[in-house]
Amino acid sequence: MSSVNPEELKALVLAHIEDAEVDVACYSGDDHFEMTVVSASFSGKPRIARHKMVYAALGDNMRQAVHALALKTKTPEEVVA
């Protein structure tokens, strides 16, 4: 199984969601991550659609290098509220 670090995951998300602010941390072992993604492109989208956008950015890492991902997705307005 290949491994990935938080900075690599952040770069993948930023490459696909350009206006995103991404915070990633490893919380257990080297394959359990928590991630918060804030992006205006999430506006008007339900949570499942937002998560699918992030999963698409992470690609095959979700099948191989990432065993668990605690994911929060927000718009900039939701962060301020």
N, C-alpha and C. Protein backbone atom coordinates (compact mmCIF):
# COMPACT_ATOMS: atom_id res chain seq x y z
N MET A 1 0.84 -1.18 0.00
CA MET A 1 0.00 0.00 0.00
C MET A 1 0.89 1.24 0.00
N SER A 2 0.57 2.20 -0.83
CA SER A 2 1.34 3.43 -0.88
C SER A 2 0.90 4.35 0.26
N SER A 3 1.79 5.28 0.63
CA SER A 3 1.43 6.21 1.68
C SER A 3 1.39 7.63 1.11
N VAL A 4 0.74 8.49 1.82
CA VAL A 4 0.58 9.88 1.42
C VAL A 4 0.63 10.72 2.69
N ASN A 5 1.10 11.95 2.56
CA ASN A 5 1.15 12.82 3.74
C ASN A 5 0.12 13.94 3.61
N PRO A 6 -0.15 14.65 4.69
CA PRO A 6 -1.16 15.71 4.65
C PRO A 6 -0.90 16.77 3.58
N GLU A 7 0.35 17.15 3.38
CA GLU A 7 0.65 18.18 2.37
C GLU A 7 0.32 17.70 0.95
N GLU A 8 0.55 16.43 0.68
CA GLU A 8 0.21 15.87 -0.64
C GLU A 8 -1.30 15.86 -0.84
N LEU A 9 -2.04 15.52 0.19
CA LEU A 9 -3.50 15.55 0.08
C LEU A 9 -4.00 16.97 -0.14
N LYS A 10 -3.43 17.91 0.57
CA LYS A 10 -3.80 19.32 0.42
C LYS A 10 -3.54 19.78 -1.02
N ALA A 11 -2.40 19.43 -1.57
CA ALA A 11 -2.06 19.83 -2.93
C ALA A 11 -3.04 19.26 -3.95
N LEU A 12 -3.47 18.03 -3.74
CA LEU A 12 -4.43 17.42 -4.66
C LEU A 12 -5.76 18.18 -4.65
N VAL A 13 -6.22 18.54 -3.46
CA VAL A 13 -7.48 19.28 -3.37
C VAL A 13 -7.33 20.65 -4.01
N LEU A 14 -6.24 21.34 -3.73
CA LEU A 14 -6.03 22.68 -4.31
C LEU A 14 -5.92 22.64 -5.82
N ALA A 15 -5.43 21.55 -6.38
CA ALA A 15 -5.32 21.42 -7.84
C ALA A 15 -6.70 21.29 -8.49
N HIS A 16 -7.68 20.81 -7.74
CA HIS A 16 -9.01 20.59 -8.30
C HIS A 16 -10.05 21.62 -7.84
N ILE A 17 -9.83 22.19 -6.67
CA ILE A 17 -10.73 23.21 -6.14
C ILE A 17 -9.86 24.42 -5.83
N GLU A 18 -9.62 25.22 -6.85
CA GLU A 18 -8.58 26.25 -6.79
C GLU A 18 -8.79 27.31 -5.73
N ASP A 19 -10.03 27.64 -5.40
CA ASP A 19 -10.26 28.70 -4.41
C ASP A 19 -10.32 28.15 -2.98
N ALA A 20 -10.00 26.89 -2.80
CA ALA A 20 -10.16 26.24 -1.51
C ALA A 20 -9.11 26.67 -0.49
N GLU A 21 -9.54 26.67 0.76
CA GLU A 21 -8.64 26.74 1.90
C GLU A 21 -8.71 25.35 2.52
N VAL A 22 -7.56 24.70 2.64
CA VAL A 22 -7.54 23.30 3.06
C VAL A 22 -6.66 23.13 4.29
N ASP A 23 -7.20 22.44 5.27
CA ASP A 23 -6.45 22.09 6.47
C ASP A 23 -6.51 20.57 6.61
N VAL A 24 -5.35 19.92 6.65
CA VAL A 24 -5.29 18.46 6.73
C VAL A 24 -4.34 18.06 7.86
N ALA A 25 -4.75 17.08 8.62
CA ALA A 25 -3.89 16.54 9.68
C ALA A 25 -4.06 15.03 9.72
N CYS A 26 -3.01 14.37 10.11
CA CYS A 26 -3.03 12.93 10.32
C CYS A 26 -3.38 12.72 11.79
N TYR A 27 -4.38 11.88 12.08
CA TYR A 27 -4.76 11.72 13.48
C TYR A 27 -4.53 10.31 14.03
N SER A 28 -4.16 9.36 13.21
CA SER A 28 -3.88 8.02 13.71
C SER A 28 -3.07 7.27 12.66
N GLY A 29 -1.94 6.73 13.06
CA GLY A 29 -1.11 6.01 12.10
C GLY A 29 -0.69 6.94 10.98
N ASP A 30 -0.57 6.39 9.79
CA ASP A 30 -0.20 7.22 8.64
C ASP A 30 -1.26 7.18 7.55
N ASP A 31 -2.47 6.70 7.89
CA ASP A 31 -3.52 6.60 6.87
C ASP A 31 -4.89 7.06 7.36
N HIS A 32 -4.96 7.72 8.51
CA HIS A 32 -6.20 8.29 9.04
C HIS A 32 -6.03 9.80 9.08
N PHE A 33 -6.88 10.50 8.35
CA PHE A 33 -6.74 11.95 8.21
C PHE A 33 -8.03 12.66 8.57
N GLU A 34 -7.87 13.91 9.02
CA GLU A 34 -9.01 14.81 9.16
C GLU A 34 -8.72 16.01 8.27
N MET A 35 -9.77 16.45 7.57
CA MET A 35 -9.60 17.53 6.59
C MET A 35 -10.79 18.47 6.65
N THR A 36 -10.48 19.75 6.60
CA THR A 36 -11.51 20.78 6.46
C THR A 36 -11.22 21.52 5.17
N VAL A 37 -12.24 21.64 4.33
CA VAL A 37 -12.10 22.35 3.06
C VAL A 37 -13.15 23.45 3.03
N VAL A 38 -12.70 24.67 2.82
CA VAL A 38 -13.58 25.82 2.70
C VAL A 38 -13.47 26.35 1.28
N SER A 39 -14.63 26.46 0.60
CA SER A 39 -14.60 26.92 -0.79
C SER A 39 -15.94 27.55 -1.16
N ALA A 40 -15.88 28.64 -1.90
CA ALA A 40 -17.10 29.26 -2.42
C ALA A 40 -17.78 28.34 -3.44
N SER A 41 -17.03 27.45 -4.05
CA SER A 41 -17.63 26.54 -5.04
C SER A 41 -18.58 25.54 -4.39
N PHE A 42 -18.61 25.46 -3.07
CA PHE A 42 -19.56 24.59 -2.37
C PHE A 42 -20.93 25.24 -2.21
N SER A 43 -21.03 26.53 -2.50
CA SER A 43 -22.29 27.25 -2.31
C SER A 43 -23.43 26.58 -3.08
N GLY A 44 -24.53 26.38 -2.37
CA GLY A 44 -25.72 25.79 -2.99
C GLY A 44 -25.67 24.29 -3.18
N LYS A 45 -24.57 23.66 -2.78
CA LYS A 45 -24.43 22.21 -2.95
C LYS A 45 -24.67 21.50 -1.62
N PRO A 46 -25.36 20.37 -1.67
CA PRO A 46 -25.53 19.59 -0.43
C PRO A 46 -24.21 18.95 -0.02
N ARG A 47 -24.15 18.51 1.22
CA ARG A 47 -22.92 17.95 1.76
C ARG A 47 -22.37 16.80 0.92
N ILE A 48 -23.23 15.92 0.44
CA ILE A 48 -22.74 14.78 -0.34
C ILE A 48 -22.06 15.24 -1.64
N ALA A 49 -22.58 16.26 -2.27
CA ALA A 49 -21.96 16.78 -3.50
C ALA A 49 -20.60 17.41 -3.18
N ARG A 50 -20.52 18.11 -2.07
CA ARG A 50 -19.25 18.71 -1.65
C ARG A 50 -18.21 17.62 -1.40
N HIS A 51 -18.62 16.57 -0.69
CA HIS A 51 -17.69 15.49 -0.39
C HIS A 51 -17.24 14.78 -1.67
N LYS A 52 -18.15 14.62 -2.61
CA LYS A 52 -17.78 13.99 -3.88
C LYS A 52 -16.74 14.82 -4.63
N MET A 53 -16.83 16.14 -4.52
CA MET A 53 -15.83 17.00 -5.15
C MET A 53 -14.44 16.74 -4.55
N VAL A 54 -14.40 16.62 -3.23
CA VAL A 54 -13.12 16.38 -2.55
C VAL A 54 -12.61 14.98 -2.88
N TYR A 55 -13.49 13.97 -2.84
CA TYR A 55 -13.08 12.60 -3.16
C TYR A 55 -12.55 12.51 -4.58
N ALA A 56 -13.17 13.23 -5.50
CA ALA A 56 -12.69 13.23 -6.89
C ALA A 56 -11.28 13.81 -6.96
N ALA A 57 -11.03 14.84 -6.17
CA ALA A 57 -9.69 15.45 -6.16
C ALA A 57 -8.65 14.48 -5.59
N LEU A 58 -9.04 13.70 -4.61
CA LEU A 58 -8.10 12.76 -3.98
C LEU A 58 -7.89 11.50 -4.82
N GLY A 59 -8.81 11.23 -5.71
CA GLY A 59 -8.65 10.13 -6.66
C GLY A 59 -8.39 8.78 -6.01
N ASP A 60 -7.44 8.04 -6.55
CA ASP A 60 -7.12 6.69 -6.09
C ASP A 60 -6.60 6.65 -4.66
N ASN A 61 -6.17 7.77 -4.13
CA ASN A 61 -5.71 7.78 -2.73
C ASN A 61 -6.82 7.33 -1.78
N MET A 62 -8.08 7.58 -2.16
CA MET A 62 -9.19 7.16 -1.31
C MET A 62 -9.34 5.64 -1.29
N ARG A 63 -8.80 4.96 -2.27
CA ARG A 63 -8.86 3.50 -2.32
C ARG A 63 -7.61 2.84 -1.77
N GLN A 64 -6.53 3.59 -1.70
CA GLN A 64 -5.25 2.99 -1.35
C GLN A 64 -4.63 3.61 -0.10
N ALA A 65 -4.17 4.82 -0.19
CA ALA A 65 -3.36 5.43 0.87
C ALA A 65 -4.17 5.96 2.05
N VAL A 66 -5.43 6.31 1.82
CA VAL A 66 -6.26 6.88 2.88
C VAL A 66 -7.24 5.82 3.36
N HIS A 67 -7.06 5.39 4.61
CA HIS A 67 -7.97 4.40 5.18
C HIS A 67 -9.21 5.07 5.74
N ALA A 68 -9.03 6.23 6.37
CA ALA A 68 -10.15 6.96 6.96
C ALA A 68 -9.95 8.45 6.75
N LEU A 69 -11.07 9.13 6.47
CA LEU A 69 -11.02 10.58 6.26
C LEU A 69 -12.21 11.22 6.97
N ALA A 70 -11.92 12.01 8.00
CA ALA A 70 -12.94 12.80 8.68
C ALA A 70 -12.98 14.13 7.94
N LEU A 71 -14.04 14.35 7.17
CA LEU A 71 -14.09 15.47 6.23
C LEU A 71 -15.18 16.46 6.62
N LYS A 72 -14.79 17.74 6.66
CA LYS A 72 -15.74 18.84 6.85
C LYS A 72 -15.61 19.76 5.64
N THR A 73 -16.74 20.12 5.04
CA THR A 73 -16.74 21.03 3.91
C THR A 73 -17.66 22.22 4.23
N LYS A 74 -17.17 23.41 3.96
CA LYS A 74 -17.92 24.62 4.28
C LYS A 74 -17.72 25.68 3.21
N THR A 75 -18.67 26.58 3.12
CA THR A 75 -18.49 27.78 2.31
C THR A 75 -17.88 28.85 3.21
N PRO A 76 -17.29 29.89 2.63
CA PRO A 76 -16.74 30.96 3.48
C PRO A 76 -17.81 31.57 4.39
N GLU A 77 -19.05 31.66 3.92
CA GLU A 77 -20.13 32.22 4.74
C GLU A 77 -20.44 31.33 5.94
N GLU A 78 -20.31 30.02 5.77
CA GLU A 78 -20.58 29.10 6.87
C GLU A 78 -19.49 29.17 7.93
N VAL A 79 -18.29 29.54 7.55
CA VAL A 79 -17.20 29.68 8.52
C VAL A 79 -17.43 30.89 9.40
N VAL A 80 -17.91 31.97 8.80
CA VAL A 80 -18.13 33.22 9.51
C VAL A 80 -19.33 33.11 10.45
N ALA A 81 -20.34 32.35 10.02
CA ALA A 81 -21.60 32.25 10.79
C ALA A 81 -21.43 31.61 12.14
